[in-house]
Amino acid sequence: MESLLTEAFAPTKLEIINDSASHSGHSGDDGSGESHFTIVIESAAFEGVSRLQRQRMINAALGDIPGQRVHALALKASAPGENS
């Protein structure tokens, strides 16, 4: 995920937080320890872009990862100078 997002958005901030341990045994937990993530990303690519469009851009950059290999993905996307 990190390389795909870096290539697509040249982010000034990128954090990928694995939240899977707090969802152990819940729906979507496949036992791999890599099913639930939070992505915090800041990029100039998001300037003037709605929250929904930012989410669509991120999902497009990640391809089949959300919904196939990752059960849940929380996104916090912002442009430089915005509060995420």
Protein backbone atom coordinates (compact mmCIF):
# COMPACT_ATOMS: atom_id res chain seq x y z
CA MET A 1 0.00 0.00 0.00
CA GLU A 2 2.81 2.39 0.88
CA SER A 3 4.49 2.17 -2.52
CA LEU A 4 1.20 2.47 -4.43
CA LEU A 5 0.15 5.58 -2.49
CA THR A 6 3.60 7.16 -2.71
CA GLU A 7 3.70 6.64 -6.46
CA ALA A 8 0.18 7.97 -7.01
CA PHE A 9 0.22 10.99 -4.68
CA ALA A 10 3.81 11.94 -3.69
CA PRO A 11 2.49 12.54 -0.17
CA THR A 12 4.03 14.99 2.29
CA LYS A 13 2.70 12.74 5.07
CA LEU A 14 1.80 9.06 4.94
CA GLU A 15 0.95 6.76 7.84
CA ILE A 16 -0.43 3.27 7.40
CA ILE A 17 -1.66 1.96 10.72
CA ASN A 18 -2.47 -1.72 11.13
CA ASP A 19 -5.61 -1.87 13.28
CA SER A 20 -6.10 -5.62 12.78
CA ALA A 21 -5.24 -6.66 16.35
CA SER A 22 -8.16 -4.65 17.73
CA HIS A 23 -10.52 -6.52 15.36
CA SER A 24 -9.32 -10.04 16.10
CA GLY A 25 -12.24 -12.45 15.90
CA HIS A 26 -14.54 -9.89 14.26
CA SER A 27 -16.08 -10.15 10.82
CA GLY A 28 -13.45 -9.86 8.12
CA ASP A 29 -10.59 -11.03 10.32
CA ASP A 30 -8.87 -13.72 8.29
CA GLY A 31 -6.25 -14.46 10.94
CA SER A 32 -3.43 -12.93 8.88
CA GLY A 33 -3.14 -9.88 11.12
CA GLU A 34 -3.52 -7.66 8.06
CA SER A 35 -7.26 -7.10 7.58
CA HIS A 36 -8.00 -3.64 9.05
CA PHE A 37 -6.00 -0.47 8.36
CA THR A 38 -6.14 3.30 8.82
CA ILE A 39 -4.40 5.44 6.22
CA VAL A 40 -3.47 9.02 7.05
CA ILE A 41 -2.27 10.81 3.93
CA GLU A 42 -1.51 14.43 3.06
CA SER A 43 -0.88 15.38 -0.56
CA ALA A 44 -1.14 18.39 -2.83
CA ALA A 45 -3.15 16.11 -5.13
CA PHE A 46 -6.10 16.56 -2.76
CA GLU A 47 -6.25 20.37 -2.99
CA GLY A 48 -9.72 21.50 -4.04
CA VAL A 49 -10.99 17.89 -4.09
CA SER A 50 -14.01 16.73 -2.08
CA ARG A 51 -13.67 14.11 0.65
CA LEU A 52 -15.59 11.57 -1.44
CA GLN A 53 -13.40 12.16 -4.49
CA ARG A 54 -10.25 11.80 -2.33
CA GLN A 55 -11.52 8.42 -1.14
CA ARG A 56 -12.21 7.37 -4.72
CA MET A 57 -8.72 8.46 -5.78
CA ILE A 58 -7.12 6.43 -2.98
CA ASN A 59 -9.23 3.35 -3.71
CA ALA A 60 -8.31 3.60 -7.41
CA ALA A 61 -4.60 3.83 -6.54
CA LEU A 62 -4.87 0.76 -4.28
CA GLY A 63 -6.59 -1.34 -6.94
CA ASP A 64 -7.87 -4.68 -5.63
CA ILE A 65 -6.43 -4.34 -2.11
CA PRO A 66 -9.60 -2.93 -0.46
CA GLY A 67 -12.30 -5.57 -0.53
CA GLN A 68 -9.98 -8.38 -1.59
CA ARG A 69 -6.98 -8.51 0.72
CA VAL A 70 -8.11 -5.83 3.21
CA HIS A 71 -11.50 -6.04 4.92
CA ALA A 72 -11.67 -2.50 6.37
CA LEU A 73 -9.87 0.69 5.40
CA ALA A 74 -10.31 3.99 7.25
CA LEU A 75 -9.06 7.01 5.29
CA LYS A 76 -7.97 10.41 6.53
CA ALA A 77 -6.91 12.37 3.46
CA SER A 78 -5.97 16.04 3.41
CA ALA A 79 -4.15 18.66 1.39
CA PRO A 80 -1.15 20.47 2.95
CA GLY A 81 -2.35 23.04 5.46
CA GLU A 82 -5.71 21.35 6.06
CA ASN A 83 -6.69 19.53 9.21
CA SER A 84 -7.00 15.84 8.43
